[in-house]
């Protein structure tokens, strides 16, 4: 998990709070399926999203 300048491991059951306008990225390095639950307040808007090109990586989710 990259959150601003910090990089750390995230594991099953972890919760990560992402402050507004903080650049962030989650990279799946495990062998099992990755499931992420996201709760946004205020509500998520695609207009607020920048994709850094990683969406073209194998296994990445396109938006």
N, C-alpha and C. Protein backbone atom coordinates (compact mmCIF):
# COMPACT_ATOMS: atom_id res chain seq x y z
N UNK A 1 0.86 -1.17 0.00
CA UNK A 1 0.00 0.00 0.00
C UNK A 1 0.89 1.22 0.00
N UNK A 2 0.60 2.14 -0.91
CA UNK A 2 1.29 3.43 -0.90
C UNK A 2 0.26 4.47 -0.52
N UNK A 3 0.60 5.26 0.46
CA UNK A 3 -0.29 6.31 0.96
C UNK A 3 0.55 7.57 1.13
N UNK A 4 0.44 8.47 0.17
CA UNK A 4 1.34 9.63 0.18
C UNK A 4 2.76 9.15 -0.05
N UNK A 5 3.68 9.48 0.84
CA UNK A 5 5.07 9.03 0.73
C UNK A 5 5.32 7.73 1.47
N UNK A 6 4.35 7.25 2.24
CA UNK A 6 4.53 6.02 3.03
C UNK A 6 4.21 4.78 2.20
N UNK A 7 4.99 3.73 2.39
CA UNK A 7 4.76 2.45 1.74
C UNK A 7 4.75 1.40 2.84
N UNK A 8 3.72 0.55 2.86
CA UNK A 8 3.62 -0.45 3.90
C UNK A 8 2.79 -1.63 3.41
N UNK A 9 2.95 -2.77 4.09
CA UNK A 9 2.17 -3.96 3.74
C UNK A 9 0.77 -3.85 4.32
N UNK A 10 -0.19 -4.29 3.56
CA UNK A 10 -1.58 -4.37 4.02
C UNK A 10 -1.97 -5.85 3.92
N UNK A 11 -2.67 -6.34 4.93
CA UNK A 11 -3.03 -7.76 4.97
C UNK A 11 -4.53 -7.91 5.20
N UNK A 12 -5.00 -9.14 5.04
CA UNK A 12 -6.42 -9.44 5.26
C UNK A 12 -6.88 -8.89 6.60
N UNK A 13 -8.01 -8.19 6.58
CA UNK A 13 -8.58 -7.64 7.81
C UNK A 13 -8.11 -6.23 8.14
N UNK A 14 -7.11 -5.71 7.42
CA UNK A 14 -6.62 -4.36 7.69
C UNK A 14 -7.61 -3.31 7.23
N UNK A 15 -7.56 -2.17 7.90
CA UNK A 15 -8.32 -1.00 7.51
C UNK A 15 -7.33 0.13 7.25
N UNK A 16 -7.49 0.81 6.13
CA UNK A 16 -6.61 1.93 5.79
C UNK A 16 -7.48 3.16 5.56
N UNK A 17 -7.23 4.21 6.32
CA UNK A 17 -7.93 5.48 6.12
C UNK A 17 -7.09 6.33 5.19
N UNK A 18 -7.71 6.83 4.13
CA UNK A 18 -7.01 7.65 3.15
C UNK A 18 -7.57 9.07 3.24
N UNK A 19 -6.78 10.01 3.74
CA UNK A 19 -7.26 11.39 3.83
C UNK A 19 -7.61 11.94 2.45
N UNK A 20 -8.54 12.88 2.37
CA UNK A 20 -8.92 13.48 1.10
C UNK A 20 -7.70 14.00 0.33
N UNK A 21 -7.70 13.79 -0.99
CA UNK A 21 -6.69 14.28 -1.91
C UNK A 21 -5.30 13.69 -1.66
N UNK A 22 -5.21 12.57 -0.94
CA UNK A 22 -3.93 11.90 -0.72
C UNK A 22 -3.69 10.88 -1.82
N UNK A 23 -2.59 10.99 -2.56
CA UNK A 23 -2.29 9.98 -3.57
C UNK A 23 -2.15 8.61 -2.90
N UNK A 24 -2.70 7.58 -3.51
CA UNK A 24 -2.64 6.26 -2.93
C UNK A 24 -2.70 5.19 -4.01
N UNK A 25 -2.20 4.00 -3.65
CA UNK A 25 -2.16 2.89 -4.59
C UNK A 25 -2.07 1.60 -3.78
N UNK A 26 -2.83 0.61 -4.22
CA UNK A 26 -2.78 -0.71 -3.61
C UNK A 26 -2.31 -1.69 -4.66
N UNK A 27 -1.22 -2.39 -4.37
CA UNK A 27 -0.69 -3.38 -5.31
C UNK A 27 -0.90 -4.77 -4.74
N UNK A 28 -1.51 -5.63 -5.52
CA UNK A 28 -1.78 -7.01 -5.11
C UNK A 28 -0.56 -7.86 -5.44
N UNK A 29 0.06 -8.43 -4.41
CA UNK A 29 1.25 -9.27 -4.61
C UNK A 29 1.03 -10.71 -4.19
N UNK A 30 -0.18 -11.02 -3.74
CA UNK A 30 -0.47 -12.37 -3.26
C UNK A 30 -0.96 -13.29 -4.37
N UNK A 31 -1.11 -14.55 -4.02
CA UNK A 31 -1.54 -15.55 -4.99
C UNK A 31 -3.04 -15.77 -5.02
N UNK A 32 -3.74 -15.33 -3.99
CA UNK A 32 -5.19 -15.49 -3.93
C UNK A 32 -5.88 -14.22 -4.43
N UNK A 33 -7.18 -14.35 -4.71
CA UNK A 33 -7.95 -13.19 -5.18
C UNK A 33 -7.93 -12.08 -4.13
N UNK A 34 -7.83 -10.86 -4.60
CA UNK A 34 -7.84 -9.68 -3.74
C UNK A 34 -9.25 -9.10 -3.72
N UNK A 35 -9.78 -8.91 -2.54
CA UNK A 35 -11.10 -8.29 -2.39
C UNK A 35 -10.92 -7.02 -1.56
N UNK A 36 -11.45 -5.93 -2.07
CA UNK A 36 -11.32 -4.64 -1.39
C UNK A 36 -12.71 -4.07 -1.18
N UNK A 37 -12.98 -3.60 0.01
CA UNK A 37 -14.24 -2.93 0.33
C UNK A 37 -13.89 -1.47 0.55
N UNK A 38 -14.57 -0.60 -0.15
CA UNK A 38 -14.28 0.82 -0.09
C UNK A 38 -15.52 1.58 0.35
N UNK A 39 -15.35 2.46 1.32
CA UNK A 39 -16.43 3.32 1.80
C UNK A 39 -15.93 4.76 1.70
N UNK A 40 -16.64 5.58 0.94
CA UNK A 40 -16.19 6.95 0.67
C UNK A 40 -17.17 7.97 1.24
N UNK A 41 -16.62 8.96 1.94
CA UNK A 41 -17.43 10.06 2.44
C UNK A 41 -16.57 11.32 2.38
N UNK A 42 -16.94 12.32 1.61
CA UNK A 42 -18.14 12.38 0.79
C UNK A 42 -18.10 11.33 -0.31
N UNK A 43 -19.22 11.11 -1.00
CA UNK A 43 -19.30 10.06 -2.01
C UNK A 43 -18.21 10.17 -3.08
N UNK A 44 -17.78 9.03 -3.57
CA UNK A 44 -16.76 8.93 -4.61
C UNK A 44 -17.24 9.60 -5.90
N UNK A 45 -16.31 10.26 -6.59
CA UNK A 45 -16.61 10.86 -7.88
C UNK A 45 -15.47 10.55 -8.83
N UNK A 46 -15.78 10.02 -10.01
CA UNK A 46 -14.72 9.75 -11.00
C UNK A 46 -13.99 11.03 -11.39
N UNK A 47 -14.64 12.15 -11.28
CA UNK A 47 -14.01 13.42 -11.61
C UNK A 47 -12.83 13.71 -10.69
N UNK A 48 -12.80 13.10 -9.51
CA UNK A 48 -11.72 13.29 -8.55
C UNK A 48 -10.59 12.29 -8.71
N UNK A 49 -10.69 11.41 -9.72
CA UNK A 49 -9.76 10.30 -9.86
C UNK A 49 -8.74 10.53 -10.96
N UNK A 50 -7.46 10.26 -10.64
CA UNK A 50 -6.40 10.27 -11.63
C UNK A 50 -5.82 8.87 -11.69
N UNK A 51 -5.71 8.31 -12.88
CA UNK A 51 -5.11 7.00 -13.06
C UNK A 51 -3.69 7.24 -13.56
N UNK A 52 -2.72 6.60 -12.91
CA UNK A 52 -1.31 6.85 -13.27
C UNK A 52 -0.78 5.90 -14.33
N UNK A 53 -1.65 5.22 -15.06
CA UNK A 53 -1.21 4.30 -16.08
C UNK A 53 -1.18 2.87 -15.63
N UNK A 54 -1.33 2.63 -14.34
CA UNK A 54 -1.26 1.27 -13.81
C UNK A 54 -2.46 0.42 -14.25
N UNK A 55 -3.54 1.04 -14.69
CA UNK A 55 -4.73 0.28 -15.08
C UNK A 55 -4.45 -0.62 -16.27
N UNK A 56 -3.36 -0.39 -17.00
CA UNK A 56 -3.04 -1.25 -18.14
C UNK A 56 -2.21 -2.46 -17.72
N UNK A 57 -1.81 -2.52 -16.45
CA UNK A 57 -1.01 -3.65 -15.97
C UNK A 57 -1.86 -4.92 -15.93
N UNK A 58 -1.23 -6.10 -16.13
CA UNK A 58 -2.00 -7.34 -16.07
C UNK A 58 -2.73 -7.49 -14.73
N UNK A 59 -3.99 -7.82 -14.79
CA UNK A 59 -4.78 -8.01 -13.59
C UNK A 59 -5.35 -6.74 -13.01
N UNK A 60 -5.02 -5.58 -13.59
CA UNK A 60 -5.51 -4.31 -13.07
C UNK A 60 -6.97 -4.12 -13.47
N UNK A 61 -7.68 -3.37 -12.67
CA UNK A 61 -9.08 -3.06 -12.96
C UNK A 61 -9.14 -1.78 -13.76
N UNK A 62 -9.82 -1.83 -14.87
CA UNK A 62 -10.00 -0.62 -15.68
C UNK A 62 -11.17 0.19 -15.14
N UNK A 63 -11.07 1.50 -15.23
CA UNK A 63 -12.16 2.36 -14.76
C UNK A 63 -12.77 3.09 -15.93
